[in-house]
């Protein structure tokens, strides 16, 4: 998956967590047990989705970093949008 897709899915997890937490508070205030439990379940699902996709994004970024380091160590030319490395502007 592309990094943007992974970040978007993690963002959805964040929103689900917030919505679930809000439903939990609403259920607690109104003493509606079903709403409280549904909100708690939604918040937990959001946390799990967020955790999964953030971990996936971190693994992808680590692999990309290792590749960049390997290319720099072998002194091969690397296509990069970062500009010339080692040149102060």
Protein backbone atom coordinates (compact mmCIF):
# COMPACT_ATOMS: atom_id res chain seq x y z
CA UNK A 1 0.00 0.00 0.00
CA UNK A 2 1.07 3.55 -0.59
CA UNK A 3 2.10 5.66 2.38
CA UNK A 4 -0.79 8.04 1.77
CA UNK A 5 -3.28 5.17 1.89
CA UNK A 6 -1.82 3.84 5.12
CA UNK A 7 -1.91 7.30 6.68
CA UNK A 8 -5.53 7.78 5.55
CA UNK A 9 -6.56 4.47 7.11
CA UNK A 10 -4.80 5.38 10.34
CA UNK A 11 -6.66 8.70 10.29
CA UNK A 12 -9.94 6.80 9.98
CA UNK A 13 -8.90 4.81 13.03
CA UNK A 14 -8.33 8.06 14.90
CA UNK A 15 -11.80 9.31 13.99
CA UNK A 16 -13.39 6.01 14.99
CA UNK A 17 -11.63 6.21 18.33
CA UNK A 18 -12.92 9.72 18.93
CA UNK A 19 -16.44 8.78 17.89
CA UNK A 20 -16.41 5.70 20.09
CA UNK A 21 -15.14 7.68 23.05
CA UNK A 22 -17.88 10.26 22.50
CA UNK A 23 -20.55 7.55 22.36
CA UNK A 24 -19.17 6.04 25.55
CA UNK A 25 -19.44 9.36 27.37
CA UNK A 26 -22.93 9.96 25.95
CA UNK A 27 -24.04 6.52 27.09
CA UNK A 28 -22.58 7.08 30.53
CA UNK A 29 -24.31 10.44 30.88
CA UNK A 30 -27.68 9.08 29.76
CA UNK A 31 -27.18 5.79 31.60
CA UNK A 32 -27.83 3.89 28.37
CA UNK A 33 -25.81 0.74 28.80
CA UNK A 34 -26.05 -0.32 25.14
CA UNK A 35 -24.77 3.05 23.88
CA UNK A 36 -21.91 2.95 26.38
CA UNK A 37 -20.87 -0.55 25.34
CA UNK A 38 -21.23 0.25 21.63
CA UNK A 39 -19.11 3.37 22.07
CA UNK A 40 -16.49 1.45 24.00
CA UNK A 41 -16.37 -1.23 21.30
CA UNK A 42 -16.06 1.39 18.55
CA UNK A 43 -13.30 3.21 20.42
CA UNK A 44 -11.39 -0.04 20.90
CA UNK A 45 -11.78 -0.94 17.22
CA UNK A 46 -10.50 2.51 16.26
CA UNK A 47 -7.46 2.15 18.48
CA UNK A 48 -6.67 -1.26 16.96
CA UNK A 49 -7.04 0.01 13.37
CA UNK A 50 -4.90 3.03 14.15
CA UNK A 51 -2.23 0.91 15.83
CA UNK A 52 -2.12 -1.56 12.91
CA UNK A 53 -1.72 1.02 10.18
CA UNK A 54 0.71 3.23 12.12
CA UNK A 55 2.90 0.16 12.75
CA UNK A 56 2.72 -0.71 9.05
CA UNK A 57 3.70 2.85 8.14
CA UNK A 58 6.63 2.75 10.57
CA UNK A 59 7.90 -0.54 9.12
CA UNK A 60 7.70 0.91 5.62
CA UNK A 61 9.58 4.06 6.63
CA UNK A 62 12.28 2.03 8.38
CA UNK A 63 12.79 -0.12 5.28
CA UNK A 64 13.02 2.99 3.11
CA UNK A 65 15.54 4.53 5.50
CA UNK A 66 17.68 1.38 5.48
CA UNK A 67 17.68 1.39 1.68
CA UNK A 68 18.76 5.05 1.59
CA UNK A 69 21.56 4.36 4.08
CA UNK A 70 22.73 1.35 2.08
CA UNK A 71 22.75 3.37 -1.14
CA UNK A 72 24.69 6.19 0.52
CA UNK A 73 27.24 3.79 1.98
CA UNK A 74 27.83 2.13 -1.35
CA UNK A 75 28.24 5.62 -2.87
CA UNK A 76 25.85 4.80 -5.68
CA UNK A 77 23.88 7.61 -7.21
CA UNK A 78 20.43 7.88 -5.68
CA UNK A 79 17.41 9.60 -7.10
CA UNK A 80 16.02 11.77 -4.37
CA UNK A 81 13.75 14.75 -3.94
CA UNK A 82 15.88 15.77 -0.97
CA UNK A 83 18.49 17.54 -3.08
CA UNK A 84 22.23 17.09 -2.90
CA UNK A 85 23.31 15.49 0.32
CA UNK A 86 26.18 17.10 2.17
CA UNK A 87 25.68 20.52 0.61
CA UNK A 88 24.69 23.31 2.97
CA UNK A 89 22.37 25.92 1.60
